[in-house]
Amino acid sequence: MAAPKMGDFEDLLPVMAEKLGGEGLIRELCNGFRLLMDGEKGVITLESLKRNAALLGLQELRDDELQSMLREGDSDGDGALNQMEFCVLMFRLSPDLMEESQFWLEQALEEVLRDG
């Protein structure tokens, strides 16, 4: 069976957000980050992404394509993704979730105000 191409992926973050809620979604994104990160460096590097690309169905991507993915989310310019950069990138790559982000922000604020 051939690996899926980038365009074949369905945006599942909105579904996950609906089922898990805001906190659950963040928890799952953090789990995904830990799965892809270099255990010694604590960040996602090109090497760790290459090593774990098959877990995402991305084993057919070339090094330059994987590097481009890293650059897309690397806001501090260190050549790797920390946990925050990874989570922000996942949200940015999910157009449906971006549309719903205002709702999730309001829900989180209401919970904090109610519980605080």
N, C-alpha and C. Protein backbone atom coordinates (compact mmCIF):
# COMPACT_ATOMS: atom_id res chain seq x y z
N MET A 1 0.85 -1.18 0.00
CA MET A 1 0.00 0.00 0.00
C MET A 1 0.89 1.24 0.00
N ALA A 2 0.63 2.17 -0.87
CA ALA A 2 1.44 3.39 -0.98
C ALA A 2 1.12 4.34 0.17
N ALA A 3 2.13 5.06 0.58
CA ALA A 3 1.94 6.05 1.64
C ALA A 3 1.13 7.21 1.10
N PRO A 4 0.31 7.83 1.93
CA PRO A 4 -0.49 8.97 1.47
C PRO A 4 0.39 10.16 1.17
N LYS A 5 0.00 10.94 0.21
CA LYS A 5 0.68 12.18 -0.12
C LYS A 5 0.17 13.28 0.79
N MET A 6 0.91 14.38 0.89
CA MET A 6 0.52 15.47 1.78
C MET A 6 -0.91 15.93 1.52
N GLY A 7 -1.32 16.02 0.29
CA GLY A 7 -2.66 16.51 -0.04
C GLY A 7 -3.77 15.55 0.35
N ASP A 8 -3.42 14.30 0.69
CA ASP A 8 -4.41 13.30 1.02
C ASP A 8 -4.88 13.37 2.47
N PHE A 9 -4.20 14.14 3.30
CA PHE A 9 -4.53 14.18 4.71
C PHE A 9 -5.77 15.01 4.97
N GLU A 10 -6.64 14.47 5.81
CA GLU A 10 -7.83 15.19 6.24
C GLU A 10 -7.46 15.96 7.51
N ASP A 11 -7.96 17.16 7.62
CA ASP A 11 -7.71 17.98 8.80
C ASP A 11 -8.55 17.44 9.95
N LEU A 12 -7.91 16.72 10.86
CA LEU A 12 -8.62 16.08 11.96
C LEU A 12 -8.60 16.89 13.25
N LEU A 13 -7.86 18.00 13.27
CA LEU A 13 -7.80 18.78 14.51
C LEU A 13 -9.17 19.29 14.97
N PRO A 14 -10.02 19.79 14.06
CA PRO A 14 -11.34 20.23 14.54
C PRO A 14 -12.15 19.10 15.17
N VAL A 15 -12.06 17.90 14.60
CA VAL A 15 -12.78 16.75 15.16
C VAL A 15 -12.23 16.42 16.54
N MET A 16 -10.89 16.42 16.64
CA MET A 16 -10.26 16.15 17.93
C MET A 16 -10.66 17.20 18.95
N ALA A 17 -10.68 18.46 18.53
CA ALA A 17 -11.05 19.54 19.45
C ALA A 17 -12.47 19.38 19.95
N GLU A 18 -13.36 18.99 19.05
CA GLU A 18 -14.75 18.81 19.43
C GLU A 18 -14.90 17.66 20.43
N LYS A 19 -14.18 16.56 20.19
CA LYS A 19 -14.31 15.39 21.05
C LYS A 19 -13.56 15.54 22.37
N LEU A 20 -12.39 16.19 22.33
CA LEU A 20 -11.53 16.24 23.51
C LEU A 20 -11.64 17.53 24.31
N GLY A 21 -12.19 18.57 23.69
CA GLY A 21 -12.20 19.88 24.32
C GLY A 21 -10.83 20.53 24.18
N GLY A 22 -10.73 21.76 24.57
CA GLY A 22 -9.49 22.52 24.42
C GLY A 22 -8.31 21.91 25.14
N GLU A 23 -8.49 21.57 26.40
CA GLU A 23 -7.38 21.00 27.18
C GLU A 23 -6.96 19.64 26.64
N GLY A 24 -7.92 18.83 26.24
CA GLY A 24 -7.61 17.51 25.70
C GLY A 24 -6.86 17.60 24.39
N LEU A 25 -7.24 18.56 23.56
CA LEU A 25 -6.55 18.75 22.28
C LEU A 25 -5.10 19.15 22.52
N ILE A 26 -4.87 20.09 23.42
CA ILE A 26 -3.51 20.52 23.73
C ILE A 26 -2.70 19.35 24.28
N ARG A 27 -3.32 18.54 25.12
CA ARG A 27 -2.64 17.36 25.67
C ARG A 27 -2.22 16.41 24.54
N GLU A 28 -3.10 16.19 23.57
CA GLU A 28 -2.78 15.31 22.45
C GLU A 28 -1.69 15.90 21.55
N LEU A 29 -1.73 17.22 21.36
CA LEU A 29 -0.67 17.86 20.58
C LEU A 29 0.67 17.70 21.29
N CYS A 30 0.66 17.83 22.60
CA CYS A 30 1.91 17.64 23.37
C CYS A 30 2.41 16.21 23.25
N ASN A 31 1.49 15.24 23.25
CA ASN A 31 1.88 13.85 23.05
C ASN A 31 2.50 13.66 21.67
N GLY A 32 1.91 14.29 20.66
CA GLY A 32 2.46 14.22 19.31
C GLY A 32 3.84 14.83 19.24
N PHE A 33 4.04 15.93 19.93
CA PHE A 33 5.35 16.57 19.96
C PHE A 33 6.38 15.61 20.56
N ARG A 34 6.04 15.01 21.68
CA ARG A 34 6.98 14.09 22.34
C ARG A 34 7.31 12.90 21.45
N LEU A 35 6.35 12.46 20.65
CA LEU A 35 6.56 11.35 19.74
C LEU A 35 7.59 11.71 18.67
N LEU A 36 7.59 12.95 18.22
CA LEU A 36 8.46 13.38 17.12
C LEU A 36 9.78 14.00 17.57
N MET A 37 9.88 14.38 18.82
CA MET A 37 11.06 15.13 19.26
C MET A 37 12.29 14.24 19.43
N ASP A 38 13.43 14.88 19.40
CA ASP A 38 14.70 14.25 19.74
C ASP A 38 14.74 14.19 21.26
N GLY A 39 14.78 13.01 21.81
CA GLY A 39 14.70 12.83 23.26
C GLY A 39 15.82 13.51 24.03
N GLU A 40 16.98 13.62 23.44
CA GLU A 40 18.11 14.25 24.12
C GLU A 40 18.05 15.77 24.04
N LYS A 41 17.57 16.29 22.91
CA LYS A 41 17.56 17.74 22.71
C LYS A 41 16.25 18.39 23.16
N GLY A 42 15.18 17.60 23.23
CA GLY A 42 13.89 18.13 23.67
C GLY A 42 13.17 18.98 22.63
N VAL A 43 13.59 18.89 21.37
CA VAL A 43 12.97 19.61 20.27
C VAL A 43 12.84 18.67 19.08
N ILE A 44 12.01 19.07 18.11
CA ILE A 44 11.91 18.31 16.86
C ILE A 44 12.98 18.85 15.92
N THR A 45 13.90 17.98 15.54
CA THR A 45 14.97 18.34 14.61
C THR A 45 14.70 17.67 13.27
N LEU A 46 15.47 18.04 12.27
CA LEU A 46 15.33 17.38 10.98
C LEU A 46 15.58 15.88 11.14
N GLU A 47 16.58 15.53 11.91
CA GLU A 47 16.91 14.12 12.11
C GLU A 47 15.78 13.37 12.82
N SER A 48 15.20 13.97 13.86
CA SER A 48 14.11 13.28 14.56
C SER A 48 12.87 13.20 13.68
N LEU A 49 12.63 14.22 12.87
CA LEU A 49 11.48 14.20 11.97
C LEU A 49 11.68 13.12 10.90
N LYS A 50 12.89 13.02 10.35
CA LYS A 50 13.18 11.98 9.37
C LYS A 50 13.01 10.60 9.99
N ARG A 51 13.50 10.43 11.20
CA ARG A 51 13.44 9.14 11.89
C ARG A 51 11.99 8.73 12.16
N ASN A 52 11.14 9.69 12.44
CA ASN A 52 9.76 9.39 12.83
C ASN A 52 8.73 9.70 11.75
N ALA A 53 9.18 10.06 10.55
CA ALA A 53 8.27 10.44 9.47
C ALA A 53 7.27 9.33 9.14
N ALA A 54 7.69 8.09 9.24
CA ALA A 54 6.80 6.98 8.92
C ALA A 54 5.58 6.93 9.84
N LEU A 55 5.75 7.40 11.08
CA LEU A 55 4.62 7.42 12.02
C LEU A 55 3.51 8.34 11.53
N LEU A 56 3.90 9.33 10.71
CA LEU A 56 2.92 10.28 10.17
C LEU A 56 2.52 9.96 8.73
N GLY A 57 3.07 8.87 8.19
CA GLY A 57 2.81 8.54 6.79
C GLY A 57 3.59 9.43 5.84
N LEU A 58 4.68 10.01 6.31
CA LEU A 58 5.47 10.96 5.52
C LEU A 58 6.81 10.38 5.08
N GLN A 59 6.96 9.07 5.11
CA GLN A 59 8.25 8.47 4.83
C GLN A 59 8.75 8.74 3.41
N GLU A 60 7.87 9.11 2.50
CA GLU A 60 8.28 9.37 1.12
C GLU A 60 8.73 10.80 0.89
N LEU A 61 8.62 11.66 1.90
CA LEU A 61 9.05 13.05 1.73
C LEU A 61 10.57 13.14 1.70
N ARG A 62 11.05 14.02 0.84
CA ARG A 62 12.49 14.27 0.74
C ARG A 62 12.95 15.14 1.90
N ASP A 63 14.26 15.14 2.14
CA ASP A 63 14.83 15.95 3.22
C ASP A 63 14.46 17.42 3.08
N ASP A 64 14.48 17.95 1.84
CA ASP A 64 14.17 19.36 1.67
C ASP A 64 12.71 19.66 1.99
N GLU A 65 11.82 18.70 1.78
CA GLU A 65 10.42 18.89 2.14
C GLU A 65 10.23 18.86 3.65
N LEU A 66 10.94 17.96 4.31
CA LEU A 66 10.88 17.91 5.77
C LEU A 66 11.48 19.18 6.38
N GLN A 67 12.58 19.65 5.79
CA GLN A 67 13.21 20.88 6.26
C GLN A 67 12.26 22.06 6.10
N SER A 68 11.53 22.07 5.01
CA SER A 68 10.54 23.13 4.77
C SER A 68 9.46 23.11 5.85
N MET A 69 9.05 21.92 6.27
CA MET A 69 8.05 21.81 7.35
C MET A 69 8.60 22.42 8.63
N LEU A 70 9.87 22.13 8.93
CA LEU A 70 10.48 22.70 10.13
C LEU A 70 10.56 24.22 10.04
N ARG A 71 11.00 24.71 8.90
CA ARG A 71 11.13 26.17 8.72
C ARG A 71 9.80 26.87 8.89
N GLU A 72 8.73 26.22 8.44
CA GLU A 72 7.38 26.82 8.52
C GLU A 72 7.00 27.17 9.95
N GLY A 73 7.42 26.34 10.90
CA GLY A 73 7.03 26.58 12.29
C GLY A 73 8.11 27.14 13.18
N ASP A 74 9.34 27.25 12.67
CA ASP A 74 10.49 27.66 13.47
C ASP A 74 10.51 29.18 13.65
N SER A 75 9.82 29.66 14.66
CA SER A 75 9.71 31.12 14.84
C SER A 75 10.95 31.75 15.46
N ASP A 76 11.76 30.97 16.18
CA ASP A 76 12.96 31.57 16.79
C ASP A 76 14.22 31.36 15.97
N GLY A 77 14.10 30.66 14.82
CA GLY A 77 15.21 30.53 13.89
C GLY A 77 16.33 29.59 14.31
N ASP A 78 16.06 28.68 15.27
CA ASP A 78 17.12 27.79 15.71
C ASP A 78 17.20 26.49 14.90
N GLY A 79 16.34 26.35 13.88
CA GLY A 79 16.39 25.17 13.01
C GLY A 79 15.63 23.98 13.56
N ALA A 80 14.92 24.14 14.65
CA ALA A 80 14.17 23.05 15.27
C ALA A 80 12.84 23.60 15.79
N LEU A 81 11.95 22.70 16.16
CA LEU A 81 10.66 23.12 16.72
C LEU A 81 10.60 22.76 18.19
N ASN A 82 10.36 23.76 19.03
CA ASN A 82 10.07 23.46 20.43
C ASN A 82 8.58 23.14 20.54
N GLN A 83 8.14 22.80 21.72
CA GLN A 83 6.75 22.37 21.88
C GLN A 83 5.75 23.45 21.49
N MET A 84 6.01 24.69 21.89
CA MET A 84 5.09 25.78 21.56
C MET A 84 5.04 26.00 20.05
N GLU A 85 6.20 26.01 19.39
CA GLU A 85 6.23 26.20 17.94
C GLU A 85 5.47 25.09 17.23
N PHE A 86 5.62 23.85 17.71
CA PHE A 86 4.90 22.73 17.12
C PHE A 86 3.39 22.91 17.25
N CYS A 87 2.93 23.25 18.44
CA CYS A 87 1.49 23.43 18.66
C CYS A 87 0.93 24.57 17.82
N VAL A 88 1.65 25.68 17.77
CA VAL A 88 1.21 26.81 16.96
C VAL A 88 1.14 26.40 15.49
N LEU A 89 2.15 25.67 15.01
CA LEU A 89 2.16 25.22 13.63
C LEU A 89 0.96 24.32 13.34
N MET A 90 0.64 23.41 14.24
CA MET A 90 -0.50 22.52 14.02
C MET A 90 -1.80 23.33 13.91
N PHE A 91 -1.95 24.35 14.72
CA PHE A 91 -3.14 25.20 14.62
C PHE A 91 -3.15 25.98 13.31
N ARG A 92 -2.00 26.51 12.93
CA ARG A 92 -1.91 27.28 11.68
C ARG A 92 -2.21 26.43 10.46
N LEU A 93 -1.86 25.16 10.50
CA LEU A 93 -2.09 24.27 9.37
C LEU A 93 -3.51 23.73 9.32
N SER A 94 -4.31 24.10 10.30
CA SER A 94 -5.69 23.63 10.37
C SER A 94 -6.64 24.81 10.15
N PRO A 95 -7.02 25.08 8.89
CA PRO A 95 -7.88 26.25 8.64
C PRO A 95 -9.20 26.20 9.38
N ASP A 96 -9.80 25.02 9.47
CA ASP A 96 -11.09 24.91 10.18
C ASP A 96 -10.92 25.23 11.65
N LEU A 97 -9.82 24.77 12.23
CA LEU A 97 -9.59 25.02 13.65
C LEU A 97 -9.30 26.49 13.90
N MET A 98 -8.62 27.13 12.97
CA MET A 98 -8.36 28.57 13.12
C MET A 98 -9.68 29.34 13.19
N GLU A 99 -10.64 28.92 12.38
CA GLU A 99 -11.94 29.58 12.40
C GLU A 99 -12.64 29.40 13.74
N GLU A 100 -12.39 28.25 14.37
CA GLU A 100 -13.03 27.95 15.64
C GLU A 100 -12.22 28.44 16.84
N SER A 101 -11.03 28.99 16.60
CA SER A 101 -10.13 29.32 17.70
C SER A 101 -10.74 30.36 18.64
N GLN A 102 -11.50 31.30 18.12
CA GLN A 102 -12.14 32.30 18.96
C GLN A 102 -13.09 31.63 19.94
N PHE A 103 -13.84 30.65 19.47
CA PHE A 103 -14.76 29.91 20.33
C PHE A 103 -14.00 29.22 21.45
N TRP A 104 -12.89 28.51 21.10
CA TRP A 104 -12.13 27.76 22.09
C TRP A 104 -11.47 28.70 23.10
N LEU A 105 -11.01 29.84 22.63
CA LEU A 105 -10.41 30.82 23.53
C LEU A 105 -11.45 31.31 24.53
N GLU A 106 -12.63 31.65 24.04
CA GLU A 106 -13.70 32.11 24.93
C GLU A 106 -14.09 31.03 25.92
N GLN A 107 -14.16 29.77 25.46
CA GLN A 107 -14.52 28.67 26.36
C GLN A 107 -13.46 28.51 27.45
N ALA A 108 -12.19 28.57 27.08
CA ALA A 108 -11.11 28.42 28.06
C ALA A 108 -11.14 29.56 29.07
N LEU A 109 -11.39 30.78 28.59
CA LEU A 109 -11.46 31.92 29.50
C LEU A 109 -12.63 31.80 30.47
N GLU A 110 -13.77 31.33 29.96
CA GLU A 110 -14.93 31.13 30.83
C GLU A 110 -14.61 30.09 31.92
N GLU A 111 -13.91 29.02 31.56
CA GLU A 111 -13.56 27.99 32.55
C GLU A 111 -12.62 28.56 33.61
N VAL A 112 -11.66 29.35 33.17
CA VAL A 112 -10.70 29.94 34.11
C VAL A 112 -11.42 30.89 35.06
N LEU A 113 -12.30 31.71 34.51
CA LEU A 113 -13.03 32.68 35.34
C LEU A 113 -13.99 31.96 36.30
N ARG A 114 -14.60 30.91 35.82
CA ARG A 114 -15.55 30.16 36.65
C ARG A 114 -14.82 29.43 37.77
N ASP A 115 -13.68 28.82 37.45
CA ASP A 115 -12.93 28.03 38.42
C ASP A 115 -12.01 28.89 39.29
N GLY A 116 -11.67 30.09 38.80
CA GLY A 116 -10.70 30.94 39.49
C GLY A 116 -11.32 31.69 40.59
